[in-house]
């Protein structure tokens, strides 16, 4: 369990810890302290998106925590982009 971050640096530290605990192998981005991306994409509490080169949503995962499935994104990327798992 992590305390609510009070700075962007702290938010990055928490995200890094979560990424390591979940053994994620894909790059993860951290929202700003105003939750700009969360507000734009309804990412709360956790959600995974793939954004294509034109800036459009190519894949939208289900809302977490139960819908947070990094393996589904990995499968999608393998099928559509050919990225290795």
PDB file of N, CA and C in Angstrom:
ATOM      1  N   UNK A   1       0.858  -1.174   0.000  1.00  0.00           N
ATOM      2  CA  UNK A   1       0.000   0.000   0.000  1.00  0.00           C
ATOM      3  C   UNK A   1       0.899   1.231   0.000  1.00  0.00           C
ATOM      4  N   UNK A   2       0.530   2.191  -0.809  1.00  0.00           N
ATOM      5  CA  UNK A   2       1.286   3.431  -0.918  1.00  0.00           C
ATOM      6  C   UNK A   2       0.442   4.595  -0.411  1.00  0.00           C
ATOM      7  N   UNK A   3       1.101   5.576   0.173  1.00  0.00           N
ATOM      8  CA  UNK A   3       0.411   6.805   0.560  1.00  0.00           C
ATOM      9  C   UNK A   3       0.128   7.617  -0.698  1.00  0.00           C
ATOM     10  N   UNK A   4      -0.914   8.452  -0.659  1.00  0.00           N
ATOM     11  CA  UNK A   4      -1.261   9.306  -1.789  1.00  0.00           C
ATOM     12  C   UNK A   4      -0.088  10.242  -2.088  1.00  0.00           C
ATOM     13  N   UNK A   5       0.434  10.232  -3.322  1.00  0.00           N
ATOM     14  CA  UNK A   5       1.563  11.100  -3.664  1.00  0.00           C
ATOM     15  C   UNK A   5       1.198  12.576  -3.505  1.00  0.00           C
ATOM     16  N   UNK A   6       2.168  13.356  -3.066  1.00  0.00           N
ATOM     17  CA  UNK A   6       1.949  14.796  -2.890  1.00  0.00           C
ATOM     18  C   UNK A   6       2.793  15.620  -3.854  1.00  0.00           C
ATOM     19  N   UNK A   7       3.617  14.952  -4.659  1.00  0.00           N
ATOM     20  CA  UNK A   7       4.423  15.646  -5.667  1.00  0.00           C
ATOM     21  C   UNK A   7       4.558  14.724  -6.875  1.00  0.00           C
ATOM     22  N   UNK A   8       4.940  15.307  -8.001  1.00  0.00           N
ATOM     23  CA  UNK A   8       5.116  14.493  -9.201  1.00  0.00           C
ATOM     24  C   UNK A   8       6.242  13.486  -9.009  1.00  0.00           C
ATOM     25  N   UNK A   9       7.325  13.903  -8.360  1.00  0.00           N
ATOM     26  CA  UNK A   9       8.436  12.983  -8.109  1.00  0.00           C
ATOM     27  C   UNK A   9       7.959  11.796  -7.278  1.00  0.00           C
ATOM     28  N   UNK A  10       7.178  12.074  -6.250  1.00  0.00           N
ATOM     29  CA  UNK A  10       6.637  10.998  -5.416  1.00  0.00           C
ATOM     30  C   UNK A  10       5.708  10.107  -6.221  1.00  0.00           C
ATOM     31  N   UNK A  11       4.914  10.703  -7.103  1.00  0.00           N
ATOM     32  CA  UNK A  11       4.011   9.935  -7.952  1.00  0.00           C
ATOM     33  C   UNK A  11       4.800   8.988  -8.858  1.00  0.00           C
ATOM     34  N   UNK A  12       5.920   9.482  -9.394  1.00  0.00           N
ATOM     35  CA  UNK A  12       6.774   8.637 -10.234  1.00  0.00           C
ATOM     36  C   UNK A  12       7.359   7.485  -9.430  1.00  0.00           C
ATOM     37  N   UNK A  13       7.751   7.745  -8.197  1.00  0.00           N
ATOM     38  CA  UNK A  13       8.307   6.689  -7.341  1.00  0.00           C
ATOM     39  C   UNK A  13       7.265   5.599  -7.074  1.00  0.00           C
ATOM     40  N   UNK A  14       6.028   6.013  -6.791  1.00  0.00           N
ATOM     41  CA  UNK A  14       4.952   5.050  -6.546  1.00  0.00           C
ATOM     42  C   UNK A  14       4.677   4.234  -7.817  1.00  0.00           C
ATOM     43  N   UNK A  15       4.612   4.910  -8.951  1.00  0.00           N
ATOM     44  CA  UNK A  15       4.367   4.206 -10.219  1.00  0.00           C
ATOM     45  C   UNK A  15       5.477   3.202 -10.501  1.00  0.00           C
ATOM     46  N   UNK A  16       6.707   3.591 -10.233  1.00  0.00           N
ATOM     47  CA  UNK A  16       7.835   2.689 -10.438  1.00  0.00           C
ATOM     48  C   UNK A  16       7.705   1.454  -9.548  1.00  0.00           C
ATOM     49  N   UNK A  17       7.340   1.668  -8.300  1.00  0.00           N
ATOM     50  CA  UNK A  17       7.153   0.547  -7.375  1.00  0.00           C
ATOM     51  C   UNK A  17       6.045  -0.385  -7.825  1.00  0.00           C
ATOM     52  N   UNK A  18       4.936   0.187  -8.305  1.00  0.00           N
ATOM     53  CA  UNK A  18       3.820  -0.634  -8.799  1.00  0.00           C
ATOM     54  C   UNK A  18       4.236  -1.407 -10.042  1.00  0.00           C
ATOM     55  N   UNK A  19       4.941  -0.736 -10.940  1.00  0.00           N
ATOM     56  CA  UNK A  19       5.395  -1.383 -12.169  1.00  0.00           C
ATOM     57  C   UNK A  19       6.296  -2.573 -11.854  1.00  0.00           C
ATOM     58  N   UNK A  20       7.192  -2.400 -10.907  1.00  0.00           N
ATOM     59  CA  UNK A  20       8.081  -3.491 -10.513  1.00  0.00           C
ATOM     60  C   UNK A  20       7.309  -4.621  -9.834  1.00  0.00           C
ATOM     61  N   UNK A  21       6.369  -4.261  -8.955  1.00  0.00           N
ATOM     62  CA  UNK A  21       5.592  -5.281  -8.247  1.00  0.00           C
ATOM     63  C   UNK A  21       4.740  -6.100  -9.216  1.00  0.00           C
ATOM     64  N   UNK A  22       4.229  -5.450 -10.268  1.00  0.00           N
ATOM     65  CA  UNK A  22       3.418  -6.144 -11.271  1.00  0.00           C
ATOM     66  C   UNK A  22       4.263  -6.804 -12.354  1.00  0.00           C
ATOM     67  N   UNK A  23       5.578  -6.595 -12.284  1.00  0.00           N
ATOM     68  CA  UNK A  23       6.527  -7.151 -13.255  1.00  0.00           C
ATOM     69  C   UNK A  23       6.166  -6.749 -14.686  1.00  0.00           C
ATOM     70  N   UNK A  24       5.791  -5.471 -14.838  1.00  0.00           N
ATOM     71  CA  UNK A  24       5.450  -4.970 -16.167  1.00  0.00           C
ATOM     72  C   UNK A  24       6.717  -4.817 -16.993  1.00  0.00           C
ATOM     73  N   UNK A  25       6.636  -5.187 -18.252  1.00  0.00           N
ATOM     74  CA  UNK A  25       7.786  -5.069 -19.145  1.00  0.00           C
ATOM     75  C   UNK A  25       7.570  -3.986 -20.199  1.00  0.00           C
ATOM     76  N   UNK A  26       6.400  -3.359 -20.187  1.00  0.00           N
ATOM     77  CA  UNK A  26       6.106  -2.304 -21.156  1.00  0.00           C
ATOM     78  C   UNK A  26       6.360  -0.937 -20.517  1.00  0.00           C
ATOM     79  N   UNK A  27       6.650   0.067 -21.330  1.00  0.00           N
ATOM     80  CA  UNK A  27       6.835   1.407 -20.768  1.00  0.00           C
ATOM     81  C   UNK A  27       5.536   1.896 -20.129  1.00  0.00           C
ATOM     82  N   UNK A  28       5.650   2.607 -19.039  1.00  0.00           N
ATOM     83  CA  UNK A  28       4.497   3.178 -18.350  1.00  0.00           C
ATOM     84  C   UNK A  28       4.683   4.678 -18.234  1.00  0.00           C
ATOM     85  N   UNK A  29       3.617   5.410 -18.442  1.00  0.00           N
ATOM     86  CA  UNK A  29       3.653   6.858 -18.313  1.00  0.00           C
ATOM     87  C   UNK A  29       2.935   7.256 -17.042  1.00  0.00           C
ATOM     88  N   UNK A  30       3.357   8.370 -16.454  1.00  0.00           N
ATOM     89  CA  UNK A  30       2.774   8.841 -15.205  1.00  0.00           C
ATOM     90  C   UNK A  30       2.039  10.144 -15.483  1.00  0.00           C
ATOM     91  N   UNK A  31       0.784  10.204 -15.069  1.00  0.00           N
ATOM     92  CA  UNK A  31      -0.028  11.403 -15.250  1.00  0.00           C
ATOM     93  C   UNK A  31       0.494  12.539 -14.376  1.00  0.00           C
ATOM     94  N   UNK A  32       0.186  13.766 -14.774  1.00  0.00           N
ATOM     95  CA  UNK A  32       0.596  14.917 -13.963  1.00  0.00           C
ATOM     96  C   UNK A  32      -0.266  15.010 -12.702  1.00  0.00           C
ATOM     97  N   UNK A  33       0.058  15.935 -11.838  1.00  0.00           N
ATOM     98  CA  UNK A  33      -0.642  16.048 -10.560  1.00  0.00           C
ATOM     99  C   UNK A  33      -2.079  16.548 -10.724  1.00  0.00           C
ATOM    100  N   UNK A  34      -2.415  17.090 -11.886  1.00  0.00           N
ATOM    101  CA  UNK A  34      -3.794  17.519 -12.153  1.00  0.00           C
ATOM    102  C   UNK A  34      -4.621  16.396 -12.777  1.00  0.00           C
ATOM    103  N   UNK A  35      -3.990  15.233 -12.998  1.00  0.00           N
ATOM    104  CA  UNK A  35      -4.656  14.063 -13.585  1.00  0.00           C
ATOM    105  C   UNK A  35      -5.241  14.360 -14.964  1.00  0.00           C
ATOM    106  N   UNK A  36      -4.480  15.067 -15.776  1.00  0.00           N
ATOM    107  CA  UNK A  36      -4.948  15.484 -17.095  1.00  0.00           C
ATOM    108  C   UNK A  36      -5.344  14.297 -17.967  1.00  0.00           C
ATOM    109  N   UNK A  37      -4.509  13.272 -18.016  1.00  0.00           N
ATOM    110  CA  UNK A  37      -4.808  12.101 -18.847  1.00  0.00           C
ATOM    111  C   UNK A  37      -5.976  11.318 -18.261  1.00  0.00           C
ATOM    112  N   UNK A  38      -5.980  11.139 -16.957  1.00  0.00           N
ATOM    113  CA  UNK A  38      -7.080  10.446 -16.291  1.00  0.00           C
ATOM    114  C   UNK A  38      -8.412  11.112 -16.623  1.00  0.00           C
ATOM    115  N   UNK A  39      -8.463  12.430 -16.538  1.00  0.00           N
ATOM    116  CA  UNK A  39      -9.696  13.155 -16.828  1.00  0.00           C
ATOM    117  C   UNK A  39     -10.094  13.036 -18.298  1.00  0.00           C
ATOM    118  N   UNK A  40      -9.125  13.006 -19.186  1.00  0.00           N
ATOM    119  CA  UNK A  40      -9.423  12.927 -20.616  1.00  0.00           C
ATOM    120  C   UNK A  40      -9.859  11.530 -21.046  1.00  0.00           C
ATOM    121  N   UNK A  41      -9.306  10.480 -20.426  1.00  0.00           N
ATOM    122  CA  UNK A  41      -9.539   9.116 -20.890  1.00  0.00           C
ATOM    123  C   UNK A  41     -10.270   8.224 -19.890  1.00  0.00           C
ATOM    124  N   UNK A  42     -10.739   8.771 -18.796  1.00  0.00           N
ATOM    125  CA  UNK A  42     -11.457   7.985 -17.783  1.00  0.00           C
ATOM    126  C   UNK A  42     -10.624   6.798 -17.335  1.00  0.00           C
ATOM    127  N   UNK A  43      -9.376   7.042 -16.975  1.00  0.00           N
ATOM    128  CA  UNK A  43      -8.463   5.974 -16.598  1.00  0.00           C
ATOM    129  C   UNK A  43      -8.615   5.484 -15.172  1.00  0.00           C
ATOM    130  N   UNK A  44      -9.448   6.099 -14.372  1.00  0.00           N
ATOM    131  CA  UNK A  44      -9.558   5.750 -12.965  1.00  0.00           C
ATOM    132  C   UNK A  44     -10.218   4.400 -12.788  1.00  0.00           C
ATOM    133  N   UNK A  45      -9.850   3.572 -11.836  1.00  0.00           N
ATOM    134  CA  UNK A  45      -8.641   3.712 -11.032  1.00  0.00           C
ATOM    135  C   UNK A  45      -7.394   3.255 -11.767  1.00  0.00           C
ATOM    136  N   UNK A  46      -7.498   2.254 -12.624  1.00  0.00           N
ATOM    137  CA  UNK A  46      -6.383   1.845 -13.479  1.00  0.00           C
ATOM    138  C   UNK A  46      -6.972   1.469 -14.823  1.00  0.00           C
ATOM    139  N   UNK A  47      -6.237   1.818 -15.862  1.00  0.00           N
ATOM    140  CA  UNK A  47      -6.700   1.456 -17.199  1.00  0.00           C
ATOM    141  C   UNK A  47      -5.525   1.541 -18.153  1.00  0.00           C
ATOM    142  N   UNK A  48      -5.505   0.687 -19.136  1.00  0.00           N
ATOM    143  CA  UNK A  48      -4.418   0.653 -20.105  1.00  0.00           C
ATOM    144  C   UNK A  48      -4.931   1.070 -21.476  1.00  0.00           C
ATOM    145  N   UNK A  49      -4.153   1.932 -22.132  1.00  0.00           N
ATOM    146  CA  UNK A  49      -4.481   2.388 -23.471  1.00  0.00           C
ATOM    147  C   UNK A  49      -3.268   2.217 -24.367  1.00  0.00           C
ATOM    148  N   UNK A  50      -3.521   1.990 -25.654  1.00  0.00           N
ATOM    149  CA  UNK A  50      -2.481   2.075 -26.679  1.00  0.00           C
ATOM    150  C   UNK A  50      -2.909   3.229 -27.578  1.00  0.00           C
ATOM    151  N   UNK A  51      -2.031   4.198 -27.731  1.00  0.00           N
ATOM    152  CA  UNK A  51      -2.290   5.361 -28.567  1.00  0.00           C
ATOM    153  C   UNK A  51      -1.489   5.201 -29.856  1.00  0.00           C
ATOM    154  N   UNK A  52      -2.159   5.328 -31.013  1.00  0.00           N
ATOM    155  CA  UNK A  52      -1.449   5.144 -32.273  1.00  0.00           C
ATOM    156  C   UNK A  52      -0.655   6.395 -32.658  1.00  0.00           C
ATOM    157  N   UNK A  53       0.049   6.310 -33.770  1.00  0.00           N
ATOM    158  CA  UNK A  53       0.927   7.405 -34.194  1.00  0.00           C
ATOM    159  C   UNK A  53       0.174   8.695 -34.465  1.00  0.00           C
ATOM    160  N   UNK A  54      -1.096   8.606 -34.804  1.00  0.00           N
ATOM    161  CA  UNK A  54      -1.876   9.817 -35.073  1.00  0.00           C
ATOM    162  C   UNK A  54      -2.502  10.400 -33.808  1.00  0.00           C
ATOM    163  N   UNK A  55      -2.249   9.756 -32.654  1.00  0.00           N
ATOM    164  CA  UNK A  55      -2.774  10.251 -31.387  1.00  0.00           C
ATOM    165  C   UNK A  55      -4.156   9.724 -31.038  1.00  0.00           C
ATOM    166  N   UNK A  56      -4.632   8.735 -31.766  1.00  0.00           N
ATOM    167  CA  UNK A  56      -5.948   8.155 -31.502  1.00  0.00           C
ATOM    168  C   UNK A  56      -5.813   6.894 -30.648  1.00  0.00           C
ATOM    169  N   UNK A  57      -6.859   6.596 -29.912  1.00  0.00           N
ATOM    170  CA  UNK A  57      -6.869   5.383 -29.093  1.00  0.00           C
ATOM    171  C   UNK A  57      -7.035   4.175 -30.007  1.00  0.00           C
ATOM    172  N   UNK A  58      -6.036   3.298 -30.008  1.00  0.00           N
ATOM    173  CA  UNK A  58      -6.085   2.080 -30.805  1.00  0.00           C
ATOM    174  C   UNK A  58      -6.582   0.898 -29.972  1.00  0.00           C
ATOM    175  N   UNK A  59      -6.334   0.945 -28.676  1.00  0.00           N
ATOM    176  CA  UNK A  59      -6.768  -0.113 -27.759  1.00  0.00           C
ATOM    177  C   UNK A  59      -7.132   0.546 -26.438  1.00  0.00           C
ATOM    178  N   UNK A  60      -8.267   0.171 -25.879  1.00  0.00           N
ATOM    179  CA  UNK A  60      -8.683   0.659 -24.563  1.00  0.00           C
ATOM    180  C   UNK A  60      -9.021  -0.539 -23.696  1.00  0.00           C
ATOM    181  N   UNK A  61      -8.234  -0.725 -22.655  1.00  0.00           N
ATOM    182  CA  UNK A  61      -8.511  -1.801 -21.726  1.00  0.00           C
ATOM    183  C   UNK A  61      -9.677  -1.437 -20.815  1.00  0.00           C
ATOM    184  N   UNK A  62     -10.132  -2.397 -20.072  1.00  0.00           N
ATOM    185  CA  UNK A  62     -11.239  -2.171 -19.145  1.00  0.00           C
ATOM    186  C   UNK A  62     -10.709  -1.512 -17.871  1.00  0.00           C
ATOM    187  N   UNK A  63     -11.620  -0.845 -17.144  1.00  0.00           N
ATOM    188  CA  UNK A  63     -11.221  -0.186 -15.917  1.00  0.00           C
ATOM    189  C   UNK A  63     -10.826  -1.206 -14.859  1.00  0.00           C
ATOM    190  N   UNK A  64      -9.815  -0.829 -14.080  1.00  0.00           N
ATOM    191  CA  UNK A  64      -9.326  -1.694 -13.024  1.00  0.00           C
ATOM    192  C   UNK A  64     -10.041  -1.422 -11.722  1.00  0.00           C
ATOM    193  N   UNK A  65      -9.649  -2.119 -10.726  1.00  0.00           N
ATOM    194  CA  UNK A  65      -8.488  -2.988 -10.729  1.00  0.00           C
ATOM    195  C   UNK A  65      -8.730  -4.348 -11.386  1.00  0.00           C
ATOM    196  N   UNK A  66      -9.982  -4.785 -11.507  1.00  0.00           N
ATOM    197  CA  UNK A  66     -10.240  -6.117 -12.051  1.00  0.00           C
ATOM    198  C   UNK A  66     -10.036  -6.177 -13.551  1.00  0.00           C
ATOM    199  N   UNK A  67     -10.186  -5.053 -14.235  1.00  0.00           N
ATOM    200  CA  UNK A  67      -9.998  -5.027 -15.678  1.00  0.00           C
ATOM    201  C   UNK A  67      -8.584  -4.680 -16.098  1.00  0.00           C
ATOM    202  N   UNK A  68      -7.694  -4.483 -15.130  1.00  0.00           N
ATOM    203  CA  UNK A  68      -6.296  -4.133 -15.408  1.00  0.00           C
ATOM    204  C   UNK A  68      -5.558  -5.408 -15.785  1.00  0.00           C
ATOM    205  N   UNK A  69      -5.392  -5.629 -17.082  1.00  0.00           N
ATOM    206  CA  UNK A  69      -4.807  -6.879 -17.582  1.00  0.00           C
ATOM    207  C   UNK A  69      -3.669  -6.569 -18.547  1.00  0.00           C
ATOM    208  N   UNK A  70      -2.466  -6.323 -18.039  1.00  0.00           N
ATOM    209  CA  UNK A  70      -1.333  -6.038 -18.925  1.00  0.00           C
ATOM    210  C   UNK A  70      -1.100  -7.118 -19.974  1.00  0.00           C
ATOM    211  N   UNK A  71      -1.420  -8.358 -19.649  1.00  0.00           N
ATOM    212  CA  UNK A  71      -1.211  -9.437 -20.611  1.00  0.00           C
ATOM    213  C   UNK A  71      -2.132  -9.282 -21.830  1.00  0.00           C
ATOM    214  N   UNK A  72      -3.308  -8.677 -21.657  1.00  0.00           N
ATOM    215  CA  UNK A  72      -4.201  -8.433 -22.792  1.00  0.00           C
ATOM    216  C   UNK A  72      -3.597  -7.395 -23.735  1.00  0.00           C
ATOM    217  N   UNK A  73      -2.970  -6.374 -23.162  1.00  0.00           N
ATOM    218  CA  UNK A  73      -2.304  -5.362 -23.994  1.00  0.00           C
ATOM    219  C   UNK A  73      -1.140  -6.006 -24.737  1.00  0.00           C
ATOM    220  N   UNK A  74      -0.382  -6.851 -24.057  1.00  0.00           N
ATOM    221  CA  UNK A  74       0.744  -7.537 -24.709  1.00  0.00           C
ATOM    222  C   UNK A  74       0.245  -8.397 -25.866  1.00  0.00           C
ATOM    223  N   UNK A  75      -0.857  -9.104 -25.666  1.00  0.00           N
ATOM    224  CA  UNK A  75      -1.431  -9.919 -26.741  1.00  0.00           C
ATOM    225  C   UNK A  75      -1.866  -9.037 -27.907  1.00  0.00           C
ATOM    226  N   UNK A  76      -2.538  -7.919 -27.602  1.00  0.00           N
ATOM    227  CA  UNK A  76      -3.000  -7.000 -28.644  1.00  0.00           C
ATOM    228  C   UNK A  76      -1.819  -6.443 -29.438  1.00  0.00           C
ATOM    229  N   UNK A  77      -0.785  -6.021 -28.727  1.00  0.00           N
ATOM    230  CA  UNK A  77       0.394  -5.469 -29.400  1.00  0.00           C
ATOM    231  C   UNK A  77       1.063  -6.522 -30.280  1.00  0.00           C
ATOM    232  N   UNK A  78       1.130  -7.746 -29.804  1.00  0.00           N
ATOM    233  CA  UNK A  78       1.717  -8.826 -30.598  1.00  0.00           C
ATOM    234  C   UNK A  78       0.913  -9.036 -31.879  1.00  0.00           C
ATOM    235  N   UNK A  79      -0.403  -9.062 -31.735  1.00  0.00           N
ATOM    236  CA  UNK A  79      -1.270  -9.321 -32.883  1.00  0.00           C
ATOM    237  C   UNK A  79      -1.283  -8.159 -33.892  1.00  0.00           C
ATOM    238  N   UNK A  80      -1.310  -6.924 -33.403  1.00  0.00           N
ATOM    239  CA  UNK A  80      -1.486  -5.770 -34.295  1.00  0.00           C
ATOM    240  C   UNK A  80      -0.210  -5.071 -34.708  1.00  0.00           C
ATOM    241  N   UNK A  81       0.808  -5.173 -33.891  1.00  0.00           N
ATOM    242  CA  UNK A  81       2.040  -4.430 -34.161  1.00  0.00           C
ATOM    243  C   UNK A  81       3.239  -5.363 -34.351  1.00  0.00           C
ATOM    244  N   UNK A  82       3.103  -6.576 -33.862  1.00  0.00           N
ATOM    245  CA  UNK A  82       4.181  -7.529 -33.974  1.00  0.00           C
ATOM    246  C   UNK A  82       5.265  -7.366 -32.930  1.00  0.00           C
ATOM    247  N   UNK A  83       4.930  -6.648 -31.835  1.00  0.00           N
ATOM    248  CA  UNK A  83       5.915  -6.491 -30.765  1.00  0.00           C
ATOM    249  C   UNK A  83       6.071  -7.795 -30.009  1.00  0.00           C
ATOM    250  N   UNK A  84       7.305  -8.145 -29.655  1.00  0.00           N
ATOM    251  CA  UNK A  84       7.513  -9.398 -28.904  1.00  0.00           C
ATOM    252  C   UNK A  84       6.971  -9.286 -27.491  1.00  0.00           C
ATOM    253  N   UNK A  85       6.623 -10.403 -26.941  1.00  0.00           N
ATOM    254  CA  UNK A  85       6.131 -10.463 -25.556  1.00  0.00           C
ATOM    255  C   UNK A  85       7.270 -10.556 -24.599  1.00  0.00           C
TER     256      UNK A  85
END
